[in-house]
Amino acid sequence: MEEKLPVSIRLNPFKITELPFGEKIPWSPWGYWLKDRPSFTLDPLFHAGCYYVQDASAMYVGHVFRKILRDHCYTGGI
């Protein structure tokens, strides 16, 4: 049986700040999971650069980097 993999997107905060549909990804302020895969070729928001298709696991790297950077800033660096 073939299981549908979730589609995740990352918003471009300079063009759009919220998405009225989808489920927010907890570790990314701009990440959303979509229930269904849209037809990206027909979506004007996609062509306008309002969001990019990006795997949720790739967004986790940014979360970890921000946490490490914040920890170093609070402790006075290395």
N, C-alpha and C. Protein backbone atom coordinates (compact mmCIF):
# COMPACT_ATOMS: atom_id res chain seq x y z
N MET A 1 0.84 -1.18 0.00
CA MET A 1 0.00 0.00 0.00
C MET A 1 0.89 1.24 0.00
N GLU A 2 0.59 2.15 -0.87
CA GLU A 2 1.39 3.37 -1.00
C GLU A 2 0.86 4.46 -0.08
N GLU A 3 1.74 4.96 0.77
CA GLU A 3 1.35 6.02 1.71
C GLU A 3 1.80 7.37 1.16
N LYS A 4 0.91 8.36 1.25
CA LYS A 4 1.26 9.70 0.79
C LYS A 4 2.19 10.37 1.79
N LEU A 5 3.29 10.89 1.31
CA LEU A 5 4.20 11.62 2.18
C LEU A 5 3.72 13.06 2.32
N PRO A 6 3.89 13.64 3.50
CA PRO A 6 3.44 15.02 3.68
C PRO A 6 4.31 15.99 2.87
N VAL A 7 3.68 17.02 2.38
CA VAL A 7 4.37 18.07 1.65
C VAL A 7 4.58 19.23 2.61
N SER A 8 5.79 19.73 2.66
CA SER A 8 6.04 20.88 3.53
C SER A 8 6.57 22.04 2.70
N ILE A 9 6.20 23.24 3.13
CA ILE A 9 6.64 24.45 2.44
C ILE A 9 7.18 25.44 3.47
N ARG A 10 8.05 26.33 3.00
CA ARG A 10 8.60 27.39 3.85
C ARG A 10 8.20 28.72 3.23
N LEU A 11 7.55 29.55 4.04
CA LEU A 11 7.10 30.85 3.56
C LEU A 11 8.28 31.80 3.41
N ASN A 12 8.16 32.72 2.48
CA ASN A 12 9.10 33.82 2.33
C ASN A 12 8.55 34.96 3.18
N PRO A 13 9.13 35.25 4.36
CA PRO A 13 8.54 36.25 5.26
C PRO A 13 8.53 37.66 4.70
N PHE A 14 9.28 37.91 3.64
CA PHE A 14 9.27 39.23 3.02
C PHE A 14 8.07 39.41 2.09
N LYS A 15 7.40 38.31 1.76
CA LYS A 15 6.26 38.39 0.84
C LYS A 15 4.94 37.95 1.46
N ILE A 16 5.00 37.02 2.42
CA ILE A 16 3.77 36.53 3.06
C ILE A 16 4.13 36.10 4.49
N THR A 17 3.27 36.40 5.45
CA THR A 17 3.58 36.09 6.84
C THR A 17 2.77 34.94 7.41
N GLU A 18 1.62 34.64 6.84
CA GLU A 18 0.78 33.54 7.32
C GLU A 18 0.16 32.81 6.15
N LEU A 19 -0.16 31.57 6.40
CA LEU A 19 -0.84 30.75 5.41
C LEU A 19 -2.20 30.36 5.99
N PRO A 20 -3.30 30.64 5.29
CA PRO A 20 -4.62 30.35 5.85
C PRO A 20 -4.95 28.86 5.91
N PHE A 21 -4.12 28.03 5.33
CA PHE A 21 -4.36 26.59 5.36
C PHE A 21 -3.04 25.90 5.71
N GLY A 22 -3.12 24.66 6.09
CA GLY A 22 -1.92 23.91 6.45
C GLY A 22 -1.69 23.92 7.95
N GLU A 23 -0.79 23.08 8.37
CA GLU A 23 -0.46 22.93 9.79
C GLU A 23 0.96 23.45 10.02
N LYS A 24 1.12 24.33 11.01
CA LYS A 24 2.44 24.90 11.29
C LYS A 24 3.41 23.83 11.74
N ILE A 25 4.64 23.95 11.29
CA ILE A 25 5.72 23.07 11.73
C ILE A 25 6.29 23.68 13.00
N PRO A 26 6.33 22.92 14.10
CA PRO A 26 6.70 23.49 15.41
C PRO A 26 8.08 24.13 15.47
N TRP A 27 9.06 23.60 14.76
CA TRP A 27 10.42 24.13 14.88
C TRP A 27 10.76 25.18 13.85
N SER A 28 9.83 25.56 13.02
CA SER A 28 10.11 26.58 12.01
C SER A 28 9.03 27.66 12.05
N PRO A 29 9.42 28.92 12.23
CA PRO A 29 8.41 29.98 12.26
C PRO A 29 7.73 30.20 10.91
N TRP A 30 8.34 29.70 9.83
CA TRP A 30 7.77 29.91 8.50
C TRP A 30 7.38 28.61 7.81
N GLY A 31 7.42 27.48 8.51
CA GLY A 31 7.15 26.20 7.89
C GLY A 31 5.71 25.73 8.09
N TYR A 32 5.18 25.07 7.06
CA TYR A 32 3.82 24.52 7.10
C TYR A 32 3.82 23.15 6.43
N TRP A 33 3.05 22.24 6.99
CA TRP A 33 2.74 20.97 6.35
C TRP A 33 1.41 21.12 5.62
N LEU A 34 1.33 20.59 4.43
CA LEU A 34 0.09 20.63 3.65
C LEU A 34 -0.52 19.23 3.62
N LYS A 35 -1.84 19.16 3.73
CA LYS A 35 -2.52 17.86 3.70
C LYS A 35 -2.44 17.23 2.32
N ASP A 36 -2.64 18.03 1.31
CA ASP A 36 -2.61 17.53 -0.07
C ASP A 36 -1.54 18.28 -0.85
N ARG A 37 -0.97 17.60 -1.82
CA ARG A 37 0.03 18.24 -2.67
C ARG A 37 -0.68 19.10 -3.71
N PRO A 38 -0.47 20.42 -3.65
CA PRO A 38 -1.13 21.28 -4.63
C PRO A 38 -0.43 21.19 -5.99
N SER A 39 -1.08 21.72 -6.98
CA SER A 39 -0.46 21.82 -8.30
C SER A 39 0.38 23.10 -8.30
N PHE A 40 1.66 22.96 -7.98
CA PHE A 40 2.52 24.13 -7.84
C PHE A 40 2.64 24.92 -9.14
N THR A 41 2.55 24.24 -10.26
CA THR A 41 2.68 24.94 -11.54
C THR A 41 1.53 25.90 -11.81
N LEU A 42 0.40 25.69 -11.13
CA LEU A 42 -0.76 26.57 -11.34
C LEU A 42 -0.96 27.56 -10.20
N ASP A 43 -0.10 27.55 -9.19
CA ASP A 43 -0.28 28.40 -8.01
C ASP A 43 0.45 29.73 -8.18
N PRO A 44 -0.30 30.84 -8.22
CA PRO A 44 0.35 32.15 -8.39
C PRO A 44 1.24 32.54 -7.21
N LEU A 45 0.92 32.07 -5.99
CA LEU A 45 1.77 32.37 -4.83
C LEU A 45 3.14 31.71 -4.97
N PHE A 46 3.16 30.52 -5.52
CA PHE A 46 4.43 29.82 -5.74
C PHE A 46 5.28 30.58 -6.77
N HIS A 47 4.65 30.99 -7.85
CA HIS A 47 5.38 31.72 -8.90
C HIS A 47 5.81 33.11 -8.46
N ALA A 48 5.10 33.68 -7.49
CA ALA A 48 5.47 35.01 -6.97
C ALA A 48 6.57 34.91 -5.91
N GLY A 49 6.96 33.70 -5.55
CA GLY A 49 8.02 33.52 -4.56
C GLY A 49 7.55 33.68 -3.14
N CYS A 50 6.24 33.52 -2.89
CA CYS A 50 5.71 33.65 -1.54
C CYS A 50 6.06 32.45 -0.66
N TYR A 51 6.32 31.31 -1.27
CA TYR A 51 6.74 30.14 -0.52
C TYR A 51 7.58 29.23 -1.40
N TYR A 52 8.31 28.35 -0.75
CA TYR A 52 9.18 27.40 -1.43
C TYR A 52 8.89 26.01 -0.88
N VAL A 53 8.97 25.02 -1.72
CA VAL A 53 8.81 23.64 -1.27
C VAL A 53 10.13 23.25 -0.60
N GLN A 54 10.05 22.88 0.67
CA GLN A 54 11.24 22.49 1.42
C GLN A 54 10.82 21.44 2.45
N ASP A 55 11.60 20.39 2.55
CA ASP A 55 11.30 19.33 3.50
C ASP A 55 11.40 19.84 4.93
N ALA A 56 10.52 19.39 5.79
CA ALA A 56 10.50 19.84 7.18
C ALA A 56 11.80 19.51 7.90
N SER A 57 12.43 18.41 7.54
CA SER A 57 13.70 18.06 8.19
C SER A 57 14.80 19.05 7.84
N ALA A 58 14.75 19.63 6.65
CA ALA A 58 15.73 20.65 6.27
C ALA A 58 15.52 21.93 7.07
N MET A 59 14.28 22.21 7.45
CA MET A 59 14.00 23.40 8.26
C MET A 59 14.52 23.22 9.68
N TYR A 60 14.67 21.99 10.12
CA TYR A 60 15.15 21.73 11.47
C TYR A 60 16.60 22.20 11.65
N VAL A 61 17.38 22.15 10.59
CA VAL A 61 18.77 22.60 10.64
C VAL A 61 18.82 24.08 11.04
N GLY A 62 17.95 24.89 10.46
CA GLY A 62 17.89 26.31 10.82
C GLY A 62 17.53 26.51 12.28
N HIS A 63 16.63 25.68 12.78
CA HIS A 63 16.22 25.76 14.19
C HIS A 63 17.41 25.47 15.10
N VAL A 64 18.16 24.43 14.80
CA VAL A 64 19.32 24.06 15.61
C VAL A 64 20.39 25.16 15.53
N PHE A 65 20.63 25.67 14.34
CA PHE A 65 21.64 26.73 14.18
C PHE A 65 21.26 27.97 14.99
N ARG A 66 19.99 28.38 14.93
CA ARG A 66 19.56 29.56 15.71
C ARG A 66 19.74 29.31 17.20
N LYS A 67 19.46 28.10 17.65
CA LYS A 67 19.62 27.77 19.08
C LYS A 67 21.09 27.84 19.49
N ILE A 68 21.98 27.26 18.70
CA ILE A 68 23.42 27.30 19.01
C ILE A 68 23.92 28.73 19.01
N LEU A 69 23.53 29.51 18.01
CA LEU A 69 23.96 30.90 17.92
C LEU A 69 23.46 31.69 19.12
N ARG A 70 22.23 31.48 19.50
CA ARG A 70 21.66 32.18 20.65
C ARG A 70 22.40 31.79 21.93
N ASP A 71 22.71 30.51 22.10
CA ASP A 71 23.45 30.06 23.28
C ASP A 71 24.82 30.71 23.35
N HIS A 72 25.50 30.81 22.21
CA HIS A 72 26.83 31.44 22.19
C HIS A 72 26.74 32.93 22.49
N CYS A 73 25.71 33.58 22.00
CA CYS A 73 25.56 35.01 22.25
C CYS A 73 25.29 35.28 23.74
N TYR A 74 24.50 34.44 24.36
CA TYR A 74 24.17 34.63 25.77
C TYR A 74 25.34 34.33 26.70
N THR A 75 26.23 33.42 26.27
CA THR A 75 27.34 33.04 27.15
C THR A 75 28.62 33.80 26.84
N GLY A 76 28.57 34.72 25.93
CA GLY A 76 29.76 35.51 25.61
C GLY A 76 30.65 34.88 24.56
N GLY A 77 30.15 33.94 23.81
CA GLY A 77 30.93 33.33 22.73
C GLY A 77 31.66 32.09 23.15
N ILE A 78 32.62 31.72 22.36
CA ILE A 78 33.37 30.48 22.60
C ILE A 78 34.56 30.77 23.49
